[in-house]
């Protein structure tokens, strides 16, 4: 899943792009959040060699806001899902 991450060269703008054209469709709010969580967990599993700080920096960049206490539960869910992906891979 790391092949879905586009990061411009160091000389370019400081932006990160995630692409997964298979998911481009309209969903209900709940369904969309479920697919987002699944995709992020798959990226997390693929990036298991990254440090915890790098993972959190990526999530902060992806969300385009600072992380808060309310994000802790969601982050734990992402780690749980990534571990589950690892067990059946």
PDB file of N, CA and C in Angstrom:
ATOM      1  N   UNK A   1       0.798  -1.210   0.000  1.00  0.00           N
ATOM      2  CA  UNK A   1       0.000   0.000   0.000  1.00  0.00           C
ATOM      3  C   UNK A   1       0.835   1.267   0.000  1.00  0.00           C
ATOM      4  N   UNK A   2       2.106   1.156   0.286  1.00  0.00           N
ATOM      5  CA  UNK A   2       2.936   2.353   0.233  1.00  0.00           C
ATOM      6  C   UNK A   2       3.103   2.858  -1.195  1.00  0.00           C
ATOM      7  N   UNK A   3       2.764   2.035  -2.182  1.00  0.00           N
ATOM      8  CA  UNK A   3       2.842   2.511  -3.565  1.00  0.00           C
ATOM      9  C   UNK A   3       1.719   3.509  -3.841  1.00  0.00           C
ATOM     10  N   UNK A   4       0.786   3.675  -2.919  1.00  0.00           N
ATOM     11  CA  UNK A   4      -0.306   4.625  -3.083  1.00  0.00           C
ATOM     12  C   UNK A   4       0.030   5.990  -2.489  1.00  0.00           C
ATOM     13  N   UNK A   5       1.234   6.129  -1.959  1.00  0.00           N
ATOM     14  CA  UNK A   5       1.666   7.395  -1.369  1.00  0.00           C
ATOM     15  C   UNK A   5       2.572   8.104  -2.356  1.00  0.00           C
ATOM     16  N   UNK A   6       2.228   9.318  -2.689  1.00  0.00           N
ATOM     17  CA  UNK A   6       3.062  10.145  -3.570  1.00  0.00           C
ATOM     18  C   UNK A   6       3.632  11.285  -2.741  1.00  0.00           C
ATOM     19  N   UNK A   7       4.936  11.358  -2.699  1.00  0.00           N
ATOM     20  CA  UNK A   7       5.608  12.406  -1.954  1.00  0.00           C
ATOM     21  C   UNK A   7       6.520  13.125  -2.922  1.00  0.00           C
ATOM     22  N   UNK A   8       6.292  14.416  -3.164  1.00  0.00           N
ATOM     23  CA  UNK A   8       7.119  15.150  -4.128  1.00  0.00           C
ATOM     24  C   UNK A   8       8.592  15.161  -3.706  1.00  0.00           C
ATOM     25  N   UNK A   9       9.438  15.409  -4.674  1.00  0.00           N
ATOM     26  CA  UNK A   9      10.871  15.516  -4.397  1.00  0.00           C
ATOM     27  C   UNK A   9      11.125  16.603  -3.363  1.00  0.00           C
ATOM     28  N   UNK A  10      12.259  16.531  -2.660  1.00  0.00           N
ATOM     29  CA  UNK A  10      12.559  17.531  -1.628  1.00  0.00           C
ATOM     30  C   UNK A  10      12.497  18.969  -2.128  1.00  0.00           C
ATOM     31  N   UNK A  11      12.732  19.163  -3.404  1.00  0.00           N
ATOM     32  CA  UNK A  11      12.700  20.538  -3.938  1.00  0.00           C
ATOM     33  C   UNK A  11      11.275  21.025  -4.156  1.00  0.00           C
ATOM     34  N   UNK A  12      10.327  20.120  -4.198  1.00  0.00           N
ATOM     35  CA  UNK A  12       8.940  20.474  -4.475  1.00  0.00           C
ATOM     36  C   UNK A  12       8.200  20.942  -3.237  1.00  0.00           C
ATOM     37  N   UNK A  13       6.907  21.189  -3.408  1.00  0.00           N
ATOM     38  CA  UNK A  13       6.101  21.643  -2.272  1.00  0.00           C
ATOM     39  C   UNK A  13       6.003  20.545  -1.214  1.00  0.00           C
ATOM     40  N   UNK A  14       5.785  20.963   0.007  1.00  0.00           N
ATOM     41  CA  UNK A  14       5.685  20.022   1.123  1.00  0.00           C
ATOM     42  C   UNK A  14       4.258  19.494   1.215  1.00  0.00           C
ATOM     43  N   UNK A  15       3.880  18.650   0.270  1.00  0.00           N
ATOM     44  CA  UNK A  15       2.545  18.072   0.262  1.00  0.00           C
ATOM     45  C   UNK A  15       2.653  16.569   0.081  1.00  0.00           C
ATOM     46  N   UNK A  16       1.651  15.886   0.588  1.00  0.00           N
ATOM     47  CA  UNK A  16       1.594  14.446   0.511  1.00  0.00           C
ATOM     48  C   UNK A  16       0.292  14.072  -0.174  1.00  0.00           C
ATOM     49  N   UNK A  17       0.327  13.118  -1.072  1.00  0.00           N
ATOM     50  CA  UNK A  17      -0.868  12.708  -1.802  1.00  0.00           C
ATOM     51  C   UNK A  17      -1.094  11.218  -1.622  1.00  0.00           C
ATOM     52  N   UNK A  18      -2.316  10.839  -1.308  1.00  0.00           N
ATOM     53  CA  UNK A  18      -2.707   9.435  -1.240  1.00  0.00           C
ATOM     54  C   UNK A  18      -3.633   9.164  -2.406  1.00  0.00           C
ATOM     55  N   UNK A  19      -3.372   8.088  -3.115  1.00  0.00           N
ATOM     56  CA  UNK A  19      -4.232   7.769  -4.243  1.00  0.00           C
ATOM     57  C   UNK A  19      -4.695   6.323  -4.141  1.00  0.00           C
ATOM     58  N   UNK A  20      -5.944   6.113  -4.376  1.00  0.00           N
ATOM     59  CA  UNK A  20      -6.519   4.780  -4.445  1.00  0.00           C
ATOM     60  C   UNK A  20      -7.787   4.919  -5.261  1.00  0.00           C
ATOM     61  N   UNK A  21      -7.653   4.854  -6.565  1.00  0.00           N
ATOM     62  CA  UNK A  21      -8.786   5.131  -7.441  1.00  0.00           C
ATOM     63  C   UNK A  21      -9.905   4.104  -7.306  1.00  0.00           C
ATOM     64  N   UNK A  22      -9.614   2.949  -6.743  1.00  0.00           N
ATOM     65  CA  UNK A  22     -10.654   1.959  -6.524  1.00  0.00           C
ATOM     66  C   UNK A  22     -11.673   2.394  -5.487  1.00  0.00           C
ATOM     67  N   UNK A  23     -11.326   3.368  -4.682  1.00  0.00           N
ATOM     68  CA  UNK A  23     -12.211   3.840  -3.613  1.00  0.00           C
ATOM     69  C   UNK A  23     -12.937   5.141  -3.972  1.00  0.00           C
ATOM     70  N   UNK A  24     -12.743   5.656  -5.169  1.00  0.00           N
ATOM     71  CA  UNK A  24     -13.356   6.927  -5.551  1.00  0.00           C
ATOM     72  C   UNK A  24     -14.824   6.692  -5.880  1.00  0.00           C
ATOM     73  N   UNK A  25     -15.656   6.931  -4.884  1.00  0.00           N
ATOM     74  CA  UNK A  25     -17.094   6.829  -5.038  1.00  0.00           C
ATOM     75  C   UNK A  25     -17.739   7.455  -3.819  1.00  0.00           C
ATOM     76  N   UNK A  26     -19.010   7.747  -3.905  1.00  0.00           N
ATOM     77  CA  UNK A  26     -19.712   8.362  -2.786  1.00  0.00           C
ATOM     78  C   UNK A  26     -20.200   7.281  -1.830  1.00  0.00           C
ATOM     79  N   UNK A  27     -20.032   7.548  -0.553  1.00  0.00           N
ATOM     80  CA  UNK A  27     -20.478   6.649   0.497  1.00  0.00           C
ATOM     81  C   UNK A  27     -21.224   7.462   1.544  1.00  0.00           C
ATOM     82  N   UNK A  28     -21.957   6.770   2.380  1.00  0.00           N
ATOM     83  CA  UNK A  28     -22.536   7.453   3.531  1.00  0.00           C
ATOM     84  C   UNK A  28     -21.391   7.847   4.458  1.00  0.00           C
ATOM     85  N   UNK A  29     -21.645   8.718   5.379  1.00  0.00           N
ATOM     86  CA  UNK A  29     -20.601   9.202   6.288  1.00  0.00           C
ATOM     87  C   UNK A  29     -19.982   8.042   7.058  1.00  0.00           C
ATOM     88  N   UNK A  30     -20.789   7.131   7.577  1.00  0.00           N
ATOM     89  CA  UNK A  30     -20.294   5.996   8.352  1.00  0.00           C
ATOM     90  C   UNK A  30     -19.455   5.068   7.484  1.00  0.00           C
ATOM     91  N   UNK A  31     -19.955   4.764   6.302  1.00  0.00           N
ATOM     92  CA  UNK A  31     -19.232   3.868   5.398  1.00  0.00           C
ATOM     93  C   UNK A  31     -17.917   4.492   4.964  1.00  0.00           C
ATOM     94  N   UNK A  32     -17.930   5.788   4.681  1.00  0.00           N
ATOM     95  CA  UNK A  32     -16.701   6.469   4.268  1.00  0.00           C
ATOM     96  C   UNK A  32     -15.658   6.394   5.374  1.00  0.00           C
ATOM     97  N   UNK A  33     -16.062   6.612   6.621  1.00  0.00           N
ATOM     98  CA  UNK A  33     -15.118   6.552   7.745  1.00  0.00           C
ATOM     99  C   UNK A  33     -14.546   5.138   7.883  1.00  0.00           C
ATOM    100  N   UNK A  34     -15.379   4.139   7.648  1.00  0.00           N
ATOM    101  CA  UNK A  34     -14.934   2.743   7.729  1.00  0.00           C
ATOM    102  C   UNK A  34     -13.861   2.466   6.670  1.00  0.00           C
ATOM    103  N   UNK A  35     -14.087   2.930   5.434  1.00  0.00           N
ATOM    104  CA  UNK A  35     -13.113   2.701   4.368  1.00  0.00           C
ATOM    105  C   UNK A  35     -11.833   3.483   4.609  1.00  0.00           C
ATOM    106  N   UNK A  36     -11.966   4.688   5.141  1.00  0.00           N
ATOM    107  CA  UNK A  36     -10.780   5.488   5.461  1.00  0.00           C
ATOM    108  C   UNK A  36      -9.953   4.766   6.522  1.00  0.00           C
ATOM    109  N   UNK A  37     -10.624   4.258   7.567  1.00  0.00           N
ATOM    110  CA  UNK A  37      -9.914   3.536   8.626  1.00  0.00           C
ATOM    111  C   UNK A  37      -9.231   2.295   8.059  1.00  0.00           C
ATOM    112  N   UNK A  38      -9.894   1.578   7.170  1.00  0.00           N
ATOM    113  CA  UNK A  38      -9.307   0.384   6.570  1.00  0.00           C
ATOM    114  C   UNK A  38      -8.065   0.751   5.748  1.00  0.00           C
ATOM    115  N   UNK A  39      -8.169   1.784   4.940  1.00  0.00           N
ATOM    116  CA  UNK A  39      -7.032   2.205   4.116  1.00  0.00           C
ATOM    117  C   UNK A  39      -5.857   2.665   4.984  1.00  0.00           C
ATOM    118  N   UNK A  40      -6.151   3.448   6.032  1.00  0.00           N
ATOM    119  CA  UNK A  40      -5.075   3.920   6.901  1.00  0.00           C
ATOM    120  C   UNK A  40      -4.431   2.760   7.650  1.00  0.00           C
ATOM    121  N   UNK A  41      -5.217   1.777   8.067  1.00  0.00           N
ATOM    122  CA  UNK A  41      -4.652   0.609   8.742  1.00  0.00           C
ATOM    123  C   UNK A  41      -3.770  -0.186   7.783  1.00  0.00           C
ATOM    124  N   UNK A  42      -4.162  -0.285   6.529  1.00  0.00           N
ATOM    125  CA  UNK A  42      -3.341  -0.988   5.542  1.00  0.00           C
ATOM    126  C   UNK A  42      -2.033  -0.245   5.300  1.00  0.00           C
ATOM    127  N   UNK A  43      -2.096   1.082   5.251  1.00  0.00           N
ATOM    128  CA  UNK A  43      -0.859   1.871   5.121  1.00  0.00           C
ATOM    129  C   UNK A  43       0.018   1.695   6.356  1.00  0.00           C
ATOM    130  N   UNK A  44      -0.609   1.690   7.529  1.00  0.00           N
ATOM    131  CA  UNK A  44       0.131   1.514   8.775  1.00  0.00           C
ATOM    132  C   UNK A  44       0.832   0.158   8.792  1.00  0.00           C
ATOM    133  N   UNK A  45       0.135  -0.876   8.362  1.00  0.00           N
ATOM    134  CA  UNK A  45       0.744  -2.201   8.290  1.00  0.00           C
ATOM    135  C   UNK A  45       1.933  -2.191   7.316  1.00  0.00           C
ATOM    136  N   UNK A  46       1.777  -1.548   6.177  1.00  0.00           N
ATOM    137  CA  UNK A  46       2.853  -1.481   5.192  1.00  0.00           C
ATOM    138  C   UNK A  46       4.048  -0.689   5.707  1.00  0.00           C
ATOM    139  N   UNK A  47       3.790   0.256   6.586  1.00  0.00           N
ATOM    140  CA  UNK A  47       4.845   1.134   7.105  1.00  0.00           C
ATOM    141  C   UNK A  47       5.270   0.733   8.516  1.00  0.00           C
ATOM    142  N   UNK A  48       5.194  -0.558   8.814  1.00  0.00           N
ATOM    143  CA  UNK A  48       5.486  -1.005  10.177  1.00  0.00           C
ATOM    144  C   UNK A  48       6.931  -0.749  10.589  1.00  0.00           C
ATOM    145  N   UNK A  49       7.828  -0.522   9.627  1.00  0.00           N
ATOM    146  CA  UNK A  49       9.219  -0.219   9.958  1.00  0.00           C
ATOM    147  C   UNK A  49       9.433   1.250  10.289  1.00  0.00           C
ATOM    148  N   UNK A  50       8.425   2.064  10.081  1.00  0.00           N
ATOM    149  CA  UNK A  50       8.514   3.494  10.426  1.00  0.00           C
ATOM    150  C   UNK A  50       8.391   3.643  11.942  1.00  0.00           C
ATOM    151  N   UNK A  51       8.982   4.697  12.457  1.00  0.00           N
ATOM    152  CA  UNK A  51       8.887   4.943  13.897  1.00  0.00           C
ATOM    153  C   UNK A  51       7.487   5.422  14.249  1.00  0.00           C
ATOM    154  N   UNK A  52       7.165   5.331  15.521  1.00  0.00           N
ATOM    155  CA  UNK A  52       5.861   5.802  16.005  1.00  0.00           C
ATOM    156  C   UNK A  52       5.702   7.306  15.699  1.00  0.00           C
ATOM    157  N   UNK A  53       6.777   8.067  15.868  1.00  0.00           N
ATOM    158  CA  UNK A  53       6.726   9.509  15.587  1.00  0.00           C
ATOM    159  C   UNK A  53       6.426   9.766  14.115  1.00  0.00           C
ATOM    160  N   UNK A  54       7.041   8.982  13.220  1.00  0.00           N
ATOM    161  CA  UNK A  54       6.776   9.141  11.789  1.00  0.00           C
ATOM    162  C   UNK A  54       5.333   8.783  11.459  1.00  0.00           C
ATOM    163  N   UNK A  55       4.815   7.732  12.087  1.00  0.00           N
ATOM    164  CA  UNK A  55       3.419   7.346  11.858  1.00  0.00           C
ATOM    165  C   UNK A  55       2.460   8.448  12.306  1.00  0.00           C
ATOM    166  N   UNK A  56       2.724   9.027  13.480  1.00  0.00           N
ATOM    167  CA  UNK A  56       1.857  10.100  13.989  1.00  0.00           C
ATOM    168  C   UNK A  56       1.989  11.365  13.147  1.00  0.00           C
ATOM    169  N   UNK A  57       3.197  11.648  12.665  1.00  0.00           N
ATOM    170  CA  UNK A  57       3.402  12.804  11.789  1.00  0.00           C
ATOM    171  C   UNK A  57       2.616  12.635  10.493  1.00  0.00           C
ATOM    172  N   UNK A  58       2.632  11.422   9.949  1.00  0.00           N
ATOM    173  CA  UNK A  58       1.858  11.135   8.745  1.00  0.00           C
ATOM    174  C   UNK A  58       0.369  11.356   9.007  1.00  0.00           C
ATOM    175  N   UNK A  59      -0.140  10.822  10.125  1.00  0.00           N
ATOM    176  CA  UNK A  59      -1.566  10.965  10.431  1.00  0.00           C
ATOM    177  C   UNK A  59      -1.942  12.428  10.618  1.00  0.00           C
ATOM    178  N   UNK A  60      -1.083  13.182  11.289  1.00  0.00           N
ATOM    179  CA  UNK A  60      -1.339  14.620  11.478  1.00  0.00           C
ATOM    180  C   UNK A  60      -1.380  15.335  10.128  1.00  0.00           C
ATOM    181  N   UNK A  61      -0.487  14.961   9.222  1.00  0.00           N
ATOM    182  CA  UNK A  61      -0.474  15.554   7.880  1.00  0.00           C
ATOM    183  C   UNK A  61      -1.715  15.143   7.109  1.00  0.00           C
ATOM    184  N   UNK A  62      -2.082  13.876   7.204  1.00  0.00           N
ATOM    185  CA  UNK A  62      -3.261  13.363   6.502  1.00  0.00           C
ATOM    186  C   UNK A  62      -4.534  14.078   6.979  1.00  0.00           C
ATOM    187  N   UNK A  63      -4.661  14.257   8.293  1.00  0.00           N
ATOM    188  CA  UNK A  63      -5.855  14.908   8.846  1.00  0.00           C
ATOM    189  C   UNK A  63      -5.820  16.427   8.682  1.00  0.00           C
ATOM    190  N   UNK A  64      -4.663  16.960   8.398  1.00  0.00           N
ATOM    191  CA  UNK A  64      -4.457  18.403   8.216  1.00  0.00           C
ATOM    192  C   UNK A  64      -4.854  19.194   9.459  1.00  0.00           C
ATOM    193  N   UNK A  65      -4.496  18.621  10.611  1.00  0.00           N
ATOM    194  CA  UNK A  65      -4.750  19.297  11.883  1.00  0.00           C
ATOM    195  C   UNK A  65      -3.910  18.619  12.957  1.00  0.00           C
ATOM    196  N   UNK A  66      -3.698  19.299  14.086  1.00  0.00           N
ATOM    197  CA  UNK A  66      -2.975  18.651  15.184  1.00  0.00           C
ATOM    198  C   UNK A  66      -3.803  17.499  15.757  1.00  0.00           C
ATOM    199  N   UNK A  67      -3.130  16.496  16.261  1.00  0.00           N
ATOM    200  CA  UNK A  67      -3.834  15.389  16.902  1.00  0.00           C
ATOM    201  C   UNK A  67      -4.286  15.817  18.293  1.00  0.00           C
ATOM    202  N   UNK A  68      -5.397  15.259  18.737  1.00  0.00           N
ATOM    203  CA  UNK A  68      -5.930  15.608  20.051  1.00  0.00           C
ATOM    204  C   UNK A  68      -6.236  14.332  20.831  1.00  0.00           C
ATOM    205  N   UNK A  69      -6.660  14.484  22.084  1.00  0.00           N
ATOM    206  CA  UNK A  69      -6.957  13.330  22.935  1.00  0.00           C
ATOM    207  C   UNK A  69      -8.041  12.450  22.330  1.00  0.00           C
ATOM    208  N   UNK A  70      -8.989  13.052  21.661  1.00  0.00           N
ATOM    209  CA  UNK A  70     -10.085  12.285  21.059  1.00  0.00           C
ATOM    210  C   UNK A  70      -9.583  11.344  19.965  1.00  0.00           C
ATOM    211  N   UNK A  71      -8.409  11.611  19.401  1.00  0.00           N
ATOM    212  CA  UNK A  71      -7.848  10.760  18.344  1.00  0.00           C
ATOM    213  C   UNK A  71      -7.214   9.484  18.887  1.00  0.00           C
ATOM    214  N   UNK A  72      -6.973   9.431  20.188  1.00  0.00           N
ATOM    215  CA  UNK A  72      -6.306   8.260  20.764  1.00  0.00           C
ATOM    216  C   UNK A  72      -7.064   6.962  20.497  1.00  0.00           C
ATOM    217  N   UNK A  73      -8.374   6.979  20.685  1.00  0.00           N
ATOM    218  CA  UNK A  73      -9.181   5.783  20.458  1.00  0.00           C
ATOM    219  C   UNK A  73      -9.083   5.357  19.001  1.00  0.00           C
ATOM    220  N   UNK A  74      -9.188   6.314  18.088  1.00  0.00           N
ATOM    221  CA  UNK A  74      -9.136   6.026  16.654  1.00  0.00           C
ATOM    222  C   UNK A  74      -7.772   5.455  16.272  1.00  0.00           C
ATOM    223  N   UNK A  75      -6.698   6.015  16.836  1.00  0.00           N
ATOM    224  CA  UNK A  75      -5.345   5.526  16.557  1.00  0.00           C
ATOM    225  C   UNK A  75      -5.187   4.093  17.071  1.00  0.00           C
ATOM    226  N   UNK A  76      -5.729   3.808  18.271  1.00  0.00           N
ATOM    227  CA  UNK A  76      -5.685   2.428  18.777  1.00  0.00           C
ATOM    228  C   UNK A  76      -6.435   1.488  17.851  1.00  0.00           C
ATOM    229  N   UNK A  77      -7.572   1.934  17.331  1.00  0.00           N
ATOM    230  CA  UNK A  77      -8.345   1.112  16.395  1.00  0.00           C
ATOM    231  C   UNK A  77      -7.548   0.846  15.123  1.00  0.00           C
ATOM    232  N   UNK A  78      -6.830   1.852  14.631  1.00  0.00           N
ATOM    233  CA  UNK A  78      -6.001   1.668  13.439  1.00  0.00           C
ATOM    234  C   UNK A  78      -4.897   0.648  13.694  1.00  0.00           C
ATOM    235  N   UNK A  79      -4.276   0.712  14.877  1.00  0.00           N
ATOM    236  CA  UNK A  79      -3.225  -0.255  15.207  1.00  0.00           C
ATOM    237  C   UNK A  79      -3.814  -1.661  15.354  1.00  0.00           C
ATOM    238  N   UNK A  80      -4.994  -1.769  15.944  1.00  0.00           N
ATOM    239  CA  UNK A  80      -5.655  -3.067  16.076  1.00  0.00           C
ATOM    240  C   UNK A  80      -5.953  -3.653  14.699  1.00  0.00           C
ATOM    241  N   UNK A  81      -6.476  -2.811  13.812  1.00  0.00           N
ATOM    242  CA  UNK A  81      -6.808  -3.271  12.457  1.00  0.00           C
ATOM    243  C   UNK A  81      -5.535  -3.656  11.701  1.00  0.00           C
ATOM    244  N   UNK A  82      -4.462  -2.876  11.854  1.00  0.00           N
ATOM    245  CA  UNK A  82      -3.196  -3.198  11.187  1.00  0.00           C
ATOM    246  C   UNK A  82      -2.657  -4.536  11.694  1.00  0.00           C
ATOM    247  N   UNK A  83      -2.765  -4.799  12.989  1.00  0.00           N
ATOM    248  CA  UNK A  83      -2.324  -6.085  13.541  1.00  0.00           C
ATOM    249  C   UNK A  83      -3.181  -7.219  12.986  1.00  0.00           C
ATOM    250  N   UNK A  84      -4.450  -6.983  12.839  1.00  0.00           N
ATOM    251  CA  UNK A  84      -5.351  -7.996  12.281  1.00  0.00           C
ATOM    252  C   UNK A  84      -4.977  -8.287  10.828  1.00  0.00           C
ATOM    253  N   UNK A  85      -4.658  -7.255  10.069  1.00  0.00           N
ATOM    254  CA  UNK A  85      -4.220  -7.436   8.679  1.00  0.00           C
ATOM    255  C   UNK A  85      -2.948  -8.283   8.663  1.00  0.00           C
ATOM    256  N   UNK A  86      -2.029  -8.004   9.588  1.00  0.00           N
ATOM    257  CA  UNK A  86      -0.783  -8.763   9.666  1.00  0.00           C
ATOM    258  C   UNK A  86      -0.993 -10.226   9.980  1.00  0.00           C
ATOM    259  N   UNK A  87      -2.003 -10.541  10.767  1.00  0.00           N
ATOM    260  CA  UNK A  87      -2.256 -11.934  11.123  1.00  0.00           C
ATOM    261  C   UNK A  87      -2.765 -12.755   9.943  1.00  0.00           C
ATOM    262  N   UNK A  88      -3.493 -12.143   9.022  1.00  0.00           N
ATOM    263  CA  UNK A  88      -4.014 -12.923   7.904  1.00  0.00           C
ATOM    264  C   UNK A  88      -3.251 -12.705   6.598  1.00  0.00           C
ATOM    265  N   UNK A  89      -2.144 -11.968   6.686  1.00  0.00           N
ATOM    266  CA  UNK A  89      -1.327 -11.742   5.493  1.00  0.00           C
ATOM    267  C   UNK A  89      -0.232 -12.784   5.414  1.00  0.00           C
TER     268      UNK A  89
END
